[in-house]
Amino acid sequence: MVRARSRVLGTAFGIAVGFLIGTHVSRAGQEPTVSDGWVQVPASGETSASAFAVVRNPTMYDIYIVSAVSEIAGKVEFRETSGGEAKAAPELTVPAYGKLTMGADSAHLLLVDLNRPLEEDESVPLTLTTDGGLQLKVQAIVRKE
């Protein structure tokens, strides 16, 4: 009788743990994504350009974009615009269950030291890296504002 109860309780416990693990795994399979990338056509002779994208975060934790690269730029900097002034930012935050929509009047990327002129409608690769090491890649289309 005692063994039967232990077996039933053990089985019930195992099912509960399996359910919780399965739920966690299915949610963990959802990863942040980046889309809608574009780069503003720089003025003639400019060696930098602003870049924008939408980063979606379906997870229950904020994520932090800590670096970005593009093969067309010597470096990529983060900018936060406040009161009409764009200032350097150490990282960009994407809220849990939310998104970061980059724009000229908010957070965005600055492609610095362009290694060639950009032409309208060309595709520029951007890679954003989170503090957890996840790399988010997007093809950004060069266009006028």
N, C-alpha and C. Protein backbone atom coordinates (compact mmCIF):
# COMPACT_ATOMS: atom_id res chain seq x y z
N MET A 1 0.82 -1.19 0.00
CA MET A 1 0.00 0.00 0.00
C MET A 1 0.87 1.26 0.00
N VAL A 2 1.89 1.31 0.86
CA VAL A 2 2.78 2.45 0.92
C VAL A 2 3.55 2.59 -0.39
N ARG A 3 4.02 1.45 -0.94
CA ARG A 3 4.73 1.48 -2.21
C ARG A 3 3.83 1.99 -3.33
N ALA A 4 2.59 1.60 -3.33
CA ALA A 4 1.66 2.03 -4.38
C ALA A 4 1.46 3.55 -4.31
N ARG A 5 1.30 4.09 -3.10
CA ARG A 5 1.14 5.53 -2.96
C ARG A 5 2.41 6.27 -3.40
N SER A 6 3.56 5.77 -3.03
CA SER A 6 4.83 6.39 -3.43
C SER A 6 4.96 6.41 -4.94
N ARG A 7 4.58 5.30 -5.58
CA ARG A 7 4.65 5.22 -7.03
C ARG A 7 3.70 6.23 -7.68
N VAL A 8 2.49 6.36 -7.15
CA VAL A 8 1.51 7.30 -7.67
C VAL A 8 2.00 8.73 -7.48
N LEU A 9 2.49 9.04 -6.27
CA LEU A 9 3.01 10.38 -6.01
C LEU A 9 4.23 10.68 -6.87
N GLY A 10 5.09 9.69 -7.02
CA GLY A 10 6.27 9.86 -7.87
C GLY A 10 5.88 10.11 -9.31
N THR A 11 4.89 9.38 -9.80
CA THR A 11 4.42 9.57 -11.16
C THR A 11 3.79 10.95 -11.33
N ALA A 12 2.95 11.37 -10.38
CA ALA A 12 2.31 12.69 -10.44
C ALA A 12 3.37 13.80 -10.41
N PHE A 13 4.38 13.62 -9.56
CA PHE A 13 5.46 14.59 -9.48
C PHE A 13 6.21 14.66 -10.82
N GLY A 14 6.50 13.50 -11.37
CA GLY A 14 7.21 13.43 -12.66
C GLY A 14 6.43 14.11 -13.77
N ILE A 15 5.10 13.91 -13.79
CA ILE A 15 4.26 14.54 -14.81
C ILE A 15 4.29 16.06 -14.62
N ALA A 16 4.18 16.53 -13.37
CA ALA A 16 4.19 17.97 -13.10
C ALA A 16 5.52 18.59 -13.53
N VAL A 17 6.63 17.96 -13.17
CA VAL A 17 7.94 18.48 -13.55
C VAL A 17 8.08 18.45 -15.08
N GLY A 18 7.66 17.39 -15.71
CA GLY A 18 7.73 17.30 -17.17
C GLY A 18 6.93 18.39 -17.84
N PHE A 19 5.74 18.68 -17.29
CA PHE A 19 4.91 19.75 -17.84
C PHE A 19 5.61 21.09 -17.74
N LEU A 20 6.18 21.37 -16.54
CA LEU A 20 6.87 22.64 -16.35
C LEU A 20 8.09 22.76 -17.26
N ILE A 21 8.86 21.70 -17.38
CA ILE A 21 10.03 21.73 -18.25
C ILE A 21 9.60 21.90 -19.70
N GLY A 22 8.58 21.19 -20.11
CA GLY A 22 8.07 21.30 -21.48
C GLY A 22 7.58 22.70 -21.78
N THR A 23 6.89 23.33 -20.83
CA THR A 23 6.41 24.70 -21.01
C THR A 23 7.59 25.64 -21.14
N HIS A 24 8.60 25.47 -20.29
CA HIS A 24 9.78 26.33 -20.36
C HIS A 24 10.51 26.16 -21.69
N VAL A 25 10.66 24.96 -22.15
CA VAL A 25 11.37 24.70 -23.40
C VAL A 25 10.62 25.32 -24.58
N SER A 26 9.29 25.20 -24.59
CA SER A 26 8.55 25.76 -25.72
C SER A 26 8.66 27.28 -25.73
N ARG A 27 8.66 27.91 -24.56
CA ARG A 27 8.84 29.36 -24.52
C ARG A 27 10.28 29.73 -24.82
N ALA A 28 11.21 28.91 -24.35
CA ALA A 28 12.62 29.21 -24.59
C ALA A 28 12.94 29.13 -26.08
N GLY A 29 12.16 28.39 -26.85
CA GLY A 29 12.38 28.28 -28.28
C GLY A 29 12.09 29.57 -29.02
N GLN A 30 11.37 30.50 -28.39
CA GLN A 30 11.11 31.79 -28.99
C GLN A 30 12.30 32.69 -28.73
N GLU A 31 12.89 33.17 -29.80
CA GLU A 31 14.06 34.03 -29.65
C GLU A 31 13.79 35.40 -30.23
N PRO A 32 14.53 36.39 -29.78
CA PRO A 32 14.39 37.73 -30.36
C PRO A 32 14.69 37.70 -31.86
N THR A 33 14.06 38.63 -32.59
CA THR A 33 14.27 38.75 -34.03
C THR A 33 14.48 40.21 -34.39
N VAL A 34 15.05 40.42 -35.55
CA VAL A 34 15.22 41.78 -36.07
C VAL A 34 14.67 41.81 -37.49
N SER A 35 13.98 42.89 -37.84
CA SER A 35 13.39 43.03 -39.17
C SER A 35 13.30 44.51 -39.54
N ASP A 36 12.77 44.76 -40.73
CA ASP A 36 12.51 46.12 -41.21
C ASP A 36 13.74 47.02 -41.16
N GLY A 37 14.89 46.46 -41.50
CA GLY A 37 16.13 47.25 -41.48
C GLY A 37 16.23 48.19 -42.67
N TRP A 38 16.70 49.40 -42.40
CA TRP A 38 16.98 50.34 -43.48
C TRP A 38 18.05 51.31 -43.05
N VAL A 39 18.73 51.87 -44.04
CA VAL A 39 19.80 52.84 -43.83
C VAL A 39 19.43 54.10 -44.58
N GLN A 40 19.58 55.23 -43.93
CA GLN A 40 19.28 56.50 -44.57
C GLN A 40 20.40 56.88 -45.52
N VAL A 41 20.06 57.24 -46.74
CA VAL A 41 21.06 57.66 -47.73
C VAL A 41 21.83 58.84 -47.14
N PRO A 42 23.16 58.70 -47.03
CA PRO A 42 23.93 59.82 -46.49
C PRO A 42 24.06 60.94 -47.53
N ALA A 43 24.26 62.15 -47.03
CA ALA A 43 24.50 63.28 -47.92
C ALA A 43 25.81 63.05 -48.67
N SER A 44 25.93 63.66 -49.82
CA SER A 44 27.14 63.51 -50.64
C SER A 44 28.38 63.89 -49.82
N GLY A 45 29.38 63.02 -49.82
CA GLY A 45 30.62 63.25 -49.11
C GLY A 45 30.61 62.84 -47.65
N GLU A 46 29.45 62.48 -47.11
CA GLU A 46 29.36 62.04 -45.72
C GLU A 46 30.02 60.67 -45.55
N THR A 47 30.63 60.44 -44.40
CA THR A 47 31.27 59.14 -44.13
C THR A 47 30.54 58.37 -43.04
N SER A 48 29.32 58.80 -42.72
CA SER A 48 28.50 58.06 -41.76
C SER A 48 27.05 58.09 -42.22
N ALA A 49 26.27 57.13 -41.71
CA ALA A 49 24.85 57.04 -42.07
C ALA A 49 24.09 56.45 -40.90
N SER A 50 22.86 56.89 -40.73
CA SER A 50 21.99 56.34 -39.68
C SER A 50 21.31 55.08 -40.18
N ALA A 51 21.17 54.10 -39.29
CA ALA A 51 20.52 52.84 -39.64
C ALA A 51 19.44 52.54 -38.61
N PHE A 52 18.39 51.85 -39.07
CA PHE A 52 17.22 51.60 -38.23
C PHE A 52 16.73 50.17 -38.44
N ALA A 53 16.04 49.64 -37.44
CA ALA A 53 15.45 48.31 -37.53
C ALA A 53 14.44 48.16 -36.39
N VAL A 54 13.70 47.07 -36.43
CA VAL A 54 12.77 46.74 -35.35
C VAL A 54 13.26 45.43 -34.74
N VAL A 55 13.51 45.45 -33.44
CA VAL A 55 13.94 44.25 -32.72
C VAL A 55 12.79 43.82 -31.82
N ARG A 56 12.33 42.58 -32.01
CA ARG A 56 11.23 42.03 -31.21
C ARG A 56 11.79 41.05 -30.19
N ASN A 57 11.24 41.14 -28.97
CA ASN A 57 11.70 40.29 -27.88
C ASN A 57 10.50 39.55 -27.27
N PRO A 58 10.28 38.29 -27.66
CA PRO A 58 9.14 37.53 -27.12
C PRO A 58 9.44 36.88 -25.77
N THR A 59 10.60 37.14 -25.20
CA THR A 59 10.99 36.48 -23.95
C THR A 59 10.54 37.28 -22.74
N MET A 60 10.64 36.67 -21.58
CA MET A 60 10.21 37.30 -20.34
C MET A 60 11.28 38.18 -19.69
N TYR A 61 12.41 38.35 -20.37
CA TYR A 61 13.50 39.16 -19.84
C TYR A 61 13.88 40.25 -20.83
N ASP A 62 14.25 41.43 -20.32
CA ASP A 62 14.80 42.46 -21.18
C ASP A 62 16.06 41.90 -21.83
N ILE A 63 16.32 42.32 -23.06
CA ILE A 63 17.60 41.97 -23.69
C ILE A 63 18.34 43.26 -24.00
N TYR A 64 19.64 43.14 -24.08
CA TYR A 64 20.48 44.31 -24.30
C TYR A 64 21.34 44.07 -25.53
N ILE A 65 21.23 44.97 -26.49
CA ILE A 65 22.07 44.92 -27.67
C ILE A 65 23.36 45.65 -27.30
N VAL A 66 24.46 44.91 -27.31
CA VAL A 66 25.72 45.47 -26.81
C VAL A 66 26.73 45.77 -27.90
N SER A 67 26.51 45.24 -29.11
CA SER A 67 27.41 45.58 -30.21
C SER A 67 26.69 45.36 -31.53
N ALA A 68 27.23 45.99 -32.56
CA ALA A 68 26.69 45.85 -33.91
C ALA A 68 27.83 46.02 -34.89
N VAL A 69 27.72 45.32 -36.02
CA VAL A 69 28.73 45.42 -37.08
C VAL A 69 28.05 45.43 -38.44
N SER A 70 28.78 45.99 -39.40
CA SER A 70 28.37 45.95 -40.80
C SER A 70 29.64 46.00 -41.64
N GLU A 71 29.65 45.22 -42.69
CA GLU A 71 30.84 45.16 -43.54
C GLU A 71 31.12 46.47 -44.27
N ILE A 72 30.16 47.38 -44.32
CA ILE A 72 30.37 48.63 -45.04
C ILE A 72 30.88 49.76 -44.15
N ALA A 73 30.98 49.51 -42.83
CA ALA A 73 31.39 50.56 -41.89
C ALA A 73 32.56 50.11 -41.04
N GLY A 74 33.41 51.07 -40.70
CA GLY A 74 34.53 50.78 -39.81
C GLY A 74 34.05 50.41 -38.42
N LYS A 75 32.95 51.06 -38.00
CA LYS A 75 32.35 50.72 -36.71
C LYS A 75 30.88 51.14 -36.73
N VAL A 76 30.13 50.58 -35.78
CA VAL A 76 28.72 50.91 -35.63
C VAL A 76 28.53 51.37 -34.19
N GLU A 77 27.94 52.57 -34.04
CA GLU A 77 27.70 53.13 -32.72
C GLU A 77 26.21 53.15 -32.44
N PHE A 78 25.87 53.14 -31.15
CA PHE A 78 24.47 53.27 -30.72
C PHE A 78 24.21 54.73 -30.39
N ARG A 79 23.03 55.19 -30.76
CA ARG A 79 22.62 56.57 -30.48
C ARG A 79 21.23 56.56 -29.85
N GLU A 80 21.03 57.48 -28.92
CA GLU A 80 19.71 57.74 -28.31
C GLU A 80 19.43 59.21 -28.55
N THR A 81 18.28 59.52 -29.12
CA THR A 81 17.92 60.91 -29.37
C THR A 81 16.95 61.38 -28.29
N SER A 82 17.30 62.49 -27.69
CA SER A 82 16.47 63.06 -26.64
C SER A 82 16.54 64.58 -26.78
N GLY A 83 15.38 65.23 -26.83
CA GLY A 83 15.37 66.68 -26.97
C GLY A 83 15.98 67.16 -28.26
N GLY A 84 15.91 66.33 -29.30
CA GLY A 84 16.45 66.70 -30.60
C GLY A 84 17.94 66.48 -30.76
N GLU A 85 18.60 66.00 -29.71
CA GLU A 85 20.04 65.76 -29.77
C GLU A 85 20.36 64.27 -29.65
N ALA A 86 21.13 63.76 -30.61
CA ALA A 86 21.53 62.34 -30.59
C ALA A 86 22.82 62.20 -29.78
N LYS A 87 22.77 61.36 -28.76
CA LYS A 87 23.93 61.12 -27.91
C LYS A 87 24.32 59.66 -27.99
N ALA A 88 25.61 59.39 -27.79
CA ALA A 88 26.10 58.01 -27.78
C ALA A 88 25.46 57.25 -26.62
N ALA A 89 25.17 55.99 -26.85
CA ALA A 89 24.60 55.11 -25.82
C ALA A 89 25.47 53.86 -25.74
N PRO A 90 25.66 53.31 -24.54
CA PRO A 90 26.50 52.12 -24.39
C PRO A 90 25.84 50.85 -24.91
N GLU A 91 24.50 50.82 -24.91
CA GLU A 91 23.75 49.64 -25.35
C GLU A 91 22.32 50.08 -25.65
N LEU A 92 21.58 49.19 -26.30
CA LEU A 92 20.16 49.44 -26.57
C LEU A 92 19.35 48.36 -25.87
N THR A 93 18.27 48.75 -25.20
CA THR A 93 17.44 47.82 -24.45
C THR A 93 16.17 47.49 -25.22
N VAL A 94 15.86 46.18 -25.27
CA VAL A 94 14.62 45.71 -25.86
C VAL A 94 13.82 45.10 -24.72
N PRO A 95 12.65 45.69 -24.39
CA PRO A 95 11.91 45.23 -23.22
C PRO A 95 11.33 43.82 -23.38
N ALA A 96 11.17 43.16 -22.26
CA ALA A 96 10.55 41.82 -22.24
C ALA A 96 9.17 41.90 -22.87
N TYR A 97 8.83 40.90 -23.67
CA TYR A 97 7.54 40.82 -24.36
C TYR A 97 7.25 42.08 -25.18
N GLY A 98 8.28 42.74 -25.65
CA GLY A 98 8.08 44.00 -26.37
C GLY A 98 8.97 44.11 -27.58
N LYS A 99 9.16 45.35 -28.02
CA LYS A 99 10.00 45.58 -29.18
C LYS A 99 10.67 46.94 -29.07
N LEU A 100 11.75 47.07 -29.79
CA LEU A 100 12.46 48.34 -29.94
C LEU A 100 12.32 48.73 -31.40
N THR A 101 11.62 49.83 -31.64
CA THR A 101 11.48 50.35 -32.99
C THR A 101 12.44 51.52 -33.12
N MET A 102 13.51 51.33 -33.86
CA MET A 102 14.51 52.38 -34.00
C MET A 102 13.98 53.46 -34.93
N GLY A 103 14.34 54.70 -34.61
CA GLY A 103 13.91 55.83 -35.43
C GLY A 103 14.84 57.01 -35.23
N ALA A 104 14.73 58.00 -36.09
CA ALA A 104 15.59 59.17 -36.02
C ALA A 104 15.41 59.93 -34.70
N ASP A 105 14.22 59.87 -34.12
CA ASP A 105 13.94 60.57 -32.87
C ASP A 105 14.01 59.66 -31.66
N SER A 106 14.64 58.50 -31.80
CA SER A 106 14.75 57.57 -30.68
C SER A 106 16.08 56.82 -30.81
N ALA A 107 16.13 55.61 -30.33
CA ALA A 107 17.34 54.80 -30.45
C ALA A 107 17.58 54.43 -31.91
N HIS A 108 18.85 54.43 -32.32
CA HIS A 108 19.20 54.01 -33.68
C HIS A 108 20.70 53.69 -33.74
N LEU A 109 21.13 53.28 -34.91
CA LEU A 109 22.53 52.93 -35.13
C LEU A 109 23.18 54.01 -35.99
N LEU A 110 24.45 54.23 -35.79
CA LEU A 110 25.21 55.14 -36.65
C LEU A 110 26.35 54.34 -37.26
N LEU A 111 26.31 54.20 -38.58
CA LEU A 111 27.38 53.51 -39.30
C LEU A 111 28.47 54.55 -39.55
N VAL A 112 29.64 54.33 -38.97
CA VAL A 112 30.73 55.30 -39.01
C VAL A 112 31.86 54.78 -39.89
N ASP A 113 32.55 55.70 -40.55
CA ASP A 113 33.68 55.36 -41.43
C ASP A 113 33.24 54.43 -42.55
N LEU A 114 32.23 54.86 -43.30
CA LEU A 114 31.77 54.07 -44.44
C LEU A 114 32.94 53.84 -45.39
N ASN A 115 33.06 52.62 -45.87
CA ASN A 115 34.20 52.31 -46.74
C ASN A 115 33.89 52.51 -48.22
N ARG A 116 32.67 52.96 -48.52
CA ARG A 116 32.29 53.28 -49.89
C ARG A 116 30.98 54.05 -49.87
N PRO A 117 30.68 54.75 -50.95
CA PRO A 117 29.39 55.45 -51.01
C PRO A 117 28.23 54.45 -51.05
N LEU A 118 27.10 54.83 -50.48
CA LEU A 118 25.92 53.97 -50.49
C LEU A 118 24.96 54.46 -51.56
N GLU A 119 24.34 53.50 -52.23
CA GLU A 119 23.39 53.84 -53.27
C GLU A 119 21.99 53.42 -52.86
N GLU A 120 21.02 54.24 -53.21
CA GLU A 120 19.64 53.96 -52.88
C GLU A 120 19.23 52.59 -53.42
N ASP A 121 18.47 51.85 -52.64
CA ASP A 121 17.93 50.52 -52.93
C ASP A 121 18.93 49.38 -52.78
N GLU A 122 20.19 49.66 -52.44
CA GLU A 122 21.11 48.54 -52.20
C GLU A 122 20.83 47.95 -50.83
N SER A 123 21.28 46.73 -50.61
CA SER A 123 21.07 46.00 -49.36
C SER A 123 22.38 45.97 -48.56
N VAL A 124 22.27 46.33 -47.30
CA VAL A 124 23.44 46.41 -46.42
C VAL A 124 23.24 45.43 -45.26
N PRO A 125 24.17 44.51 -45.03
CA PRO A 125 24.03 43.58 -43.91
C PRO A 125 24.37 44.25 -42.57
N LEU A 126 23.53 43.99 -41.57
CA LEU A 126 23.77 44.45 -40.21
C LEU A 126 23.66 43.25 -39.27
N THR A 127 24.54 43.17 -38.30
CA THR A 127 24.48 42.13 -37.28
C THR A 127 24.50 42.79 -35.92
N LEU A 128 23.46 42.52 -35.13
CA LEU A 128 23.35 43.04 -33.77
C LEU A 128 23.64 41.88 -32.82
N THR A 129 24.39 42.14 -31.76
CA THR A 129 24.73 41.10 -30.79
C THR A 129 24.22 41.49 -29.42
N THR A 130 23.54 40.53 -28.76
CA THR A 130 22.99 40.78 -27.43
C THR A 130 24.02 40.44 -26.36
N ASP A 131 23.71 40.83 -25.14
CA ASP A 131 24.60 40.53 -24.02
C ASP A 131 24.71 39.02 -23.78
N GLY A 132 23.76 38.26 -24.26
CA GLY A 132 23.80 36.81 -24.14
C GLY A 132 24.52 36.13 -25.31
N GLY A 133 25.05 36.93 -26.25
CA GLY A 133 25.80 36.38 -27.38
C GLY A 133 24.95 36.03 -28.58
N LEU A 134 23.65 36.27 -28.53
CA LEU A 134 22.78 35.99 -29.66
C LEU A 134 23.04 37.02 -30.76
N GLN A 135 23.23 36.54 -31.99
CA GLN A 135 23.45 37.43 -33.12
C GLN A 135 22.18 37.52 -33.94
N LEU A 136 21.72 38.76 -34.14
CA LEU A 136 20.52 39.04 -34.90
C LEU A 136 20.94 39.71 -36.20
N LYS A 137 20.61 39.09 -37.33
CA LYS A 137 21.05 39.59 -38.63
C LYS A 137 19.87 40.11 -39.44
N VAL A 138 20.13 41.21 -40.14
CA VAL A 138 19.09 41.80 -40.99
C VAL A 138 19.77 42.45 -42.21
N GLN A 139 19.08 42.40 -43.33
CA GLN A 139 19.51 43.12 -44.52
C GLN A 139 18.78 44.45 -44.51
N ALA A 140 19.52 45.53 -44.44
CA ALA A 140 18.94 46.88 -44.38
C ALA A 140 19.00 47.50 -45.77
N ILE A 141 17.88 48.02 -46.22
CA ILE A 141 17.79 48.64 -47.55
C ILE A 141 18.13 50.12 -47.41
N VAL A 142 19.00 50.60 -48.29
CA VAL A 142 19.37 52.01 -48.30
C VAL A 142 18.24 52.77 -49.00
N ARG A 143 17.74 53.81 -48.31
CA ARG A 143 16.65 54.59 -48.88
C ARG A 143 16.65 56.01 -48.31
N LYS A 144 15.91 56.87 -49.00
CA LYS A 144 15.72 58.23 -48.49
C LYS A 144 14.73 58.15 -47.33
N GLU A 145 14.72 59.15 -46.52
CA GLU A 145 13.85 59.16 -45.34
C GLU A 145 12.41 58.92 -45.62
